[in-house]
Amino acid sequence: MSSRIRVVVAKPGLDGHDRGAKVVARALRDAGMEVVYTGLHQTPEQIVETAIQEDADAVGLSVLSGAHMTLFRRVLELLGERDARDIVVFGGGIIPNGDIPELEKLGVAKIFTPGATTQAIVEWVRQNVAQPVS
């Protein structure tokens, strides 16, 4: 028997726009996943601590501020320091197409850009985040 996928949805940095993050969190929850939304203005340290405490299978970051390279990098570094690289990191927001390959090199599993549907995000998470066995 498998348990539900656990996803932490987070808004790192100073970005104050969280409608998209809330829509994604709701879509994942409606699809049967356990979702923890961290709220606005989270530090990478807070996000990683939440992911570990909640035994998350994935972290979804929403970045609209332009600080995506720094914020994604720091979250991945902290996950590595905490021996939690098994937590899948994906994200979305206003991220230039030219930055996506570099984010993928850092270890970001997927970036969703404006226009991505919630259905596409849910399907990707189901296909790319291992379901834990209870």
C-alpha atoms as a PDB file:
ATOM      1  CA  MET A   1       0.000   0.000   0.000  1.00  0.00           C
ATOM      2  CA  SER A   2       1.387   3.424  -0.859  1.00  0.00           C
ATOM      3  CA  SER A   3       0.778   6.664   0.980  1.00  0.00           C
ATOM      4  CA  ARG A   4       0.097  10.001  -0.648  1.00  0.00           C
ATOM      5  CA  ILE A   5       2.794  12.151  -2.212  1.00  0.00           C
ATOM      6  CA  ARG A   6       3.797  14.962   0.166  1.00  0.00           C
ATOM      7  CA  VAL A   7       4.664  18.312  -1.418  1.00  0.00           C
ATOM      8  CA  VAL A   8       5.864  21.521   0.204  1.00  0.00           C
ATOM      9  CA  VAL A   9       4.897  24.554  -1.893  1.00  0.00           C
ATOM     10  CA  ALA A  10       7.001  27.577  -1.001  1.00  0.00           C
ATOM     11  CA  LYS A  11       7.466  31.246  -1.860  1.00  0.00           C
ATOM     12  CA  PRO A  12      11.128  32.058  -1.209  1.00  0.00           C
ATOM     13  CA  GLY A  13      12.521  35.538  -0.979  1.00  0.00           C
ATOM     14  CA  LEU A  14      10.831  38.901  -1.051  1.00  0.00           C
ATOM     15  CA  ASP A  15       8.277  38.162  -3.768  1.00  0.00           C
ATOM     16  CA  GLY A  16       4.839  39.060  -2.455  1.00  0.00           C
ATOM     17  CA  HIS A  17       2.649  37.516  -5.152  1.00  0.00           C
ATOM     18  CA  ASP A  18       1.364  34.107  -4.143  1.00  0.00           C
ATOM     19  CA  ARG A  19      -1.805  33.510  -6.158  1.00  0.00           C
ATOM     20  CA  GLY A  20      -0.077  31.057  -8.518  1.00  0.00           C
ATOM     21  CA  ALA A  21       1.502  29.144  -5.641  1.00  0.00           C
ATOM     22  CA  LYS A  22      -1.876  28.852  -3.930  1.00  0.00           C
ATOM     23  CA  VAL A  23      -3.530  27.655  -7.159  1.00  0.00           C
ATOM     24  CA  VAL A  24      -0.851  24.985  -7.623  1.00  0.00           C
ATOM     25  CA  ALA A  25      -1.098  23.939  -3.960  1.00  0.00           C
ATOM     26  CA  ARG A  26      -4.868  23.562  -4.292  1.00  0.00           C
ATOM     27  CA  ALA A  27      -4.572  21.586  -7.545  1.00  0.00           C
ATOM     28  CA  LEU A  28      -2.072  19.174  -5.995  1.00  0.00           C
ATOM     29  CA  ARG A  29      -4.269  18.752  -2.926  1.00  0.00           C
ATOM     30  CA  ASP A  30      -7.383  18.235  -5.062  1.00  0.00           C
ATOM     31  CA  ALA A  31      -5.417  15.545  -6.936  1.00  0.00           C
ATOM     32  CA  GLY A  32      -4.986  13.641  -3.675  1.00  0.00           C
ATOM     33  CA  MET A  33      -1.564  14.801  -2.564  1.00  0.00           C
ATOM     34  CA  GLU A  34      -0.675  16.079   0.881  1.00  0.00           C
ATOM     35  CA  VAL A  35       0.386  19.705   0.517  1.00  0.00           C
ATOM     36  CA  VAL A  36       2.010  22.120   2.940  1.00  0.00           C
ATOM     37  CA  TYR A  37       2.029  25.743   1.785  1.00  0.00           C
ATOM     38  CA  THR A  38       4.685  27.724   3.645  1.00  0.00           C
ATOM     39  CA  GLY A  39       3.365  31.218   2.957  1.00  0.00           C
ATOM     40  CA  LEU A  40       5.184  34.296   1.730  1.00  0.00           C
ATOM     41  CA  HIS A  41       8.744  35.491   2.338  1.00  0.00           C
ATOM     42  CA  GLN A  42      10.339  32.187   3.301  1.00  0.00           C
ATOM     43  CA  THR A  43      14.092  31.784   3.476  1.00  0.00           C
ATOM     44  CA  PRO A  44      15.714  28.778   1.820  1.00  0.00           C
ATOM     45  CA  GLU A  45      16.611  27.582   5.329  1.00  0.00           C
ATOM     46  CA  GLN A  46      12.960  27.721   6.431  1.00  0.00           C
ATOM     47  CA  ILE A  47      11.830  25.897   3.290  1.00  0.00           C
ATOM     48  CA  VAL A  48      14.346  23.082   3.694  1.00  0.00           C
ATOM     49  CA  GLU A  49      13.560  22.744   7.404  1.00  0.00           C
ATOM     50  CA  THR A  50       9.846  22.475   6.597  1.00  0.00           C
ATOM     51  CA  ALA A  51      10.494  19.903   3.865  1.00  0.00           C
ATOM     52  CA  ILE A  52      12.516  17.735   6.228  1.00  0.00           C
ATOM     53  CA  GLN A  53      10.115  18.102   9.164  1.00  0.00           C
ATOM     54  CA  GLU A  54       7.143  17.281   6.941  1.00  0.00           C
ATOM     55  CA  ASP A  55       8.967  14.308   5.345  1.00  0.00           C
ATOM     56  CA  ALA A  56       8.242  15.833   1.934  1.00  0.00           C
ATOM     57  CA  ASP A  57       8.757  13.940  -1.297  1.00  0.00           C
ATOM     58  CA  ALA A  58       8.983  17.194  -3.274  1.00  0.00           C
ATOM     59  CA  VAL A  59       9.388  20.939  -2.913  1.00  0.00           C
ATOM     60  CA  GLY A  60       7.719  23.283  -5.381  1.00  0.00           C
ATOM     61  CA  LEU A  61       9.166  26.791  -5.436  1.00  0.00           C
ATOM     62  CA  SER A  62       7.363  29.773  -6.921  1.00  0.00           C
ATOM     63  CA  VAL A  63       9.653  32.671  -7.833  1.00  0.00           C
ATOM     64  CA  LEU A  64       8.507  35.836  -9.583  1.00  0.00           C
ATOM     65  CA  SER A  65      11.145  38.205  -8.224  1.00  0.00           C
ATOM     66  CA  GLY A  66      14.001  37.436 -10.599  1.00  0.00           C
ATOM     67  CA  ALA A  67      16.095  35.861  -7.830  1.00  0.00           C
ATOM     68  CA  HIS A  68      15.435  32.316  -9.054  1.00  0.00           C
ATOM     69  CA  MET A  69      19.091  31.388  -9.685  1.00  0.00           C
ATOM     70  CA  THR A  70      20.130  32.320  -6.148  1.00  0.00           C
ATOM     71  CA  LEU A  71      17.065  30.914  -4.398  1.00  0.00           C
ATOM     72  CA  PHE A  72      16.890  27.573  -6.213  1.00  0.00           C
ATOM     73  CA  ARG A  73      20.664  27.109  -5.812  1.00  0.00           C
ATOM     74  CA  ARG A  74      20.513  27.752  -2.071  1.00  0.00           C
ATOM     75  CA  VAL A  75      17.578  25.387  -1.503  1.00  0.00           C
ATOM     76  CA  LEU A  76      19.430  22.637  -3.376  1.00  0.00           C
ATOM     77  CA  GLU A  77      22.659  23.311  -1.436  1.00  0.00           C
ATOM     78  CA  LEU A  78      20.821  23.091   1.880  1.00  0.00           C
ATOM     79  CA  LEU A  79      19.053  19.875   0.884  1.00  0.00           C
ATOM     80  CA  GLY A  80      22.471  18.428   0.038  1.00  0.00           C
ATOM     81  CA  GLU A  81      23.902  19.551   3.385  1.00  0.00           C
ATOM     82  CA  ARG A  82      20.998  17.871   5.170  1.00  0.00           C
ATOM     83  CA  ASP A  83      21.403  14.634   3.158  1.00  0.00           C
ATOM     84  CA  ALA A  84      17.962  15.219   1.657  1.00  0.00           C
ATOM     85  CA  ARG A  85      18.771  15.236  -2.074  1.00  0.00           C
ATOM     86  CA  ASP A  86      16.053  12.615  -2.540  1.00  0.00           C
ATOM     87  CA  ILE A  87      13.495  15.428  -2.196  1.00  0.00           C
ATOM     88  CA  VAL A  88      12.526  16.428  -5.743  1.00  0.00           C
ATOM     89  CA  VAL A  89      12.742  20.175  -6.386  1.00  0.00           C
ATOM     90  CA  PHE A  90      10.564  21.740  -9.074  1.00  0.00           C
ATOM     91  CA  GLY A  91       9.294  25.229  -9.576  1.00  0.00           C
ATOM     92  CA  GLY A  92       7.762  27.908 -11.625  1.00  0.00           C
ATOM     93  CA  GLY A  93       7.325  31.579 -12.135  1.00  0.00           C
ATOM     94  CA  ILE A  94       8.806  34.278 -14.288  1.00  0.00           C
ATOM     95  CA  ILE A  95      11.952  32.418 -15.290  1.00  0.00           C
ATOM     96  CA  PRO A  96      13.649  33.154 -18.612  1.00  0.00           C
ATOM     97  CA  ASN A  97      13.971  30.147 -20.927  1.00  0.00           C
ATOM     98  CA  GLY A  98      17.720  30.740 -21.061  1.00  0.00           C
ATOM     99  CA  ASP A  99      18.031  30.128 -17.302  1.00  0.00           C
ATOM    100  CA  ILE A 100      16.196  26.798 -17.321  1.00  0.00           C
ATOM    101  CA  PRO A 101      19.149  24.649 -18.518  1.00  0.00           C
ATOM    102  CA  GLU A 102      21.352  26.097 -15.751  1.00  0.00           C
ATOM    103  CA  LEU A 103      18.673  25.404 -13.136  1.00  0.00           C
ATOM    104  CA  GLU A 104      18.419  21.836 -14.421  1.00  0.00           C
ATOM    105  CA  LYS A 105      22.220  21.465 -14.115  1.00  0.00           C
ATOM    106  CA  LEU A 106      21.899  22.574 -10.495  1.00  0.00           C
ATOM    107  CA  GLY A 107      19.386  19.789  -9.891  1.00  0.00           C
ATOM    108  CA  VAL A 108      15.979  21.386 -10.406  1.00  0.00           C
ATOM    109  CA  ALA A 109      13.829  18.615 -11.856  1.00  0.00           C
ATOM    110  CA  LYS A 110      11.327  20.801 -13.729  1.00  0.00           C
ATOM    111  CA  ILE A 111      10.484  24.446 -14.310  1.00  0.00           C
ATOM    112  CA  PHE A 112       6.945  25.476 -15.239  1.00  0.00           C
ATOM    113  CA  THR A 113       6.696  28.833 -16.959  1.00  0.00           C
ATOM    114  CA  PRO A 114       3.643  31.104 -17.286  1.00  0.00           C
ATOM    115  CA  GLY A 115       0.841  29.341 -19.097  1.00  0.00           C
ATOM    116  CA  ALA A 116       1.514  25.905 -17.627  1.00  0.00           C
ATOM    117  CA  THR A 117      -1.750  24.265 -16.651  1.00  0.00           C
ATOM    118  CA  THR A 118      -2.429  22.860 -13.229  1.00  0.00           C
ATOM    119  CA  GLN A 119      -3.235  19.563 -14.955  1.00  0.00           C
ATOM    120  CA  ALA A 120       0.266  19.483 -16.486  1.00  0.00           C
ATOM    121  CA  ILE A 121       1.829  20.198 -13.091  1.00  0.00           C
ATOM    122  CA  VAL A 122      -0.222  17.505 -11.336  1.00  0.00           C
ATOM    123  CA  GLU A 123       0.598  14.955 -14.032  1.00  0.00           C
ATOM    124  CA  TRP A 124       4.301  15.792 -13.896  1.00  0.00           C
ATOM    125  CA  VAL A 125       4.401  15.409 -10.109  1.00  0.00           C
ATOM    126  CA  ARG A 126       2.590  12.069 -10.305  1.00  0.00           C
ATOM    127  CA  GLN A 127       5.025  10.789 -12.941  1.00  0.00           C
ATOM    128  CA  ASN A 128       8.249  12.164 -11.460  1.00  0.00           C
ATOM    129  CA  VAL A 129       7.899  12.034  -7.704  1.00  0.00           C
ATOM    130  CA  ALA A 130       8.165   8.556  -6.254  1.00  0.00           C
ATOM    131  CA  GLN A 131       5.203   7.523  -4.210  1.00  0.00           C
ATOM    132  CA  PRO A 132       6.321   6.479  -0.746  1.00  0.00           C
ATOM    133  CA  VAL A 133       5.465   3.008   0.484  1.00  0.00           C
ATOM    134  CA  SER A 134       3.870   2.849   3.903  1.00  0.00           C
END
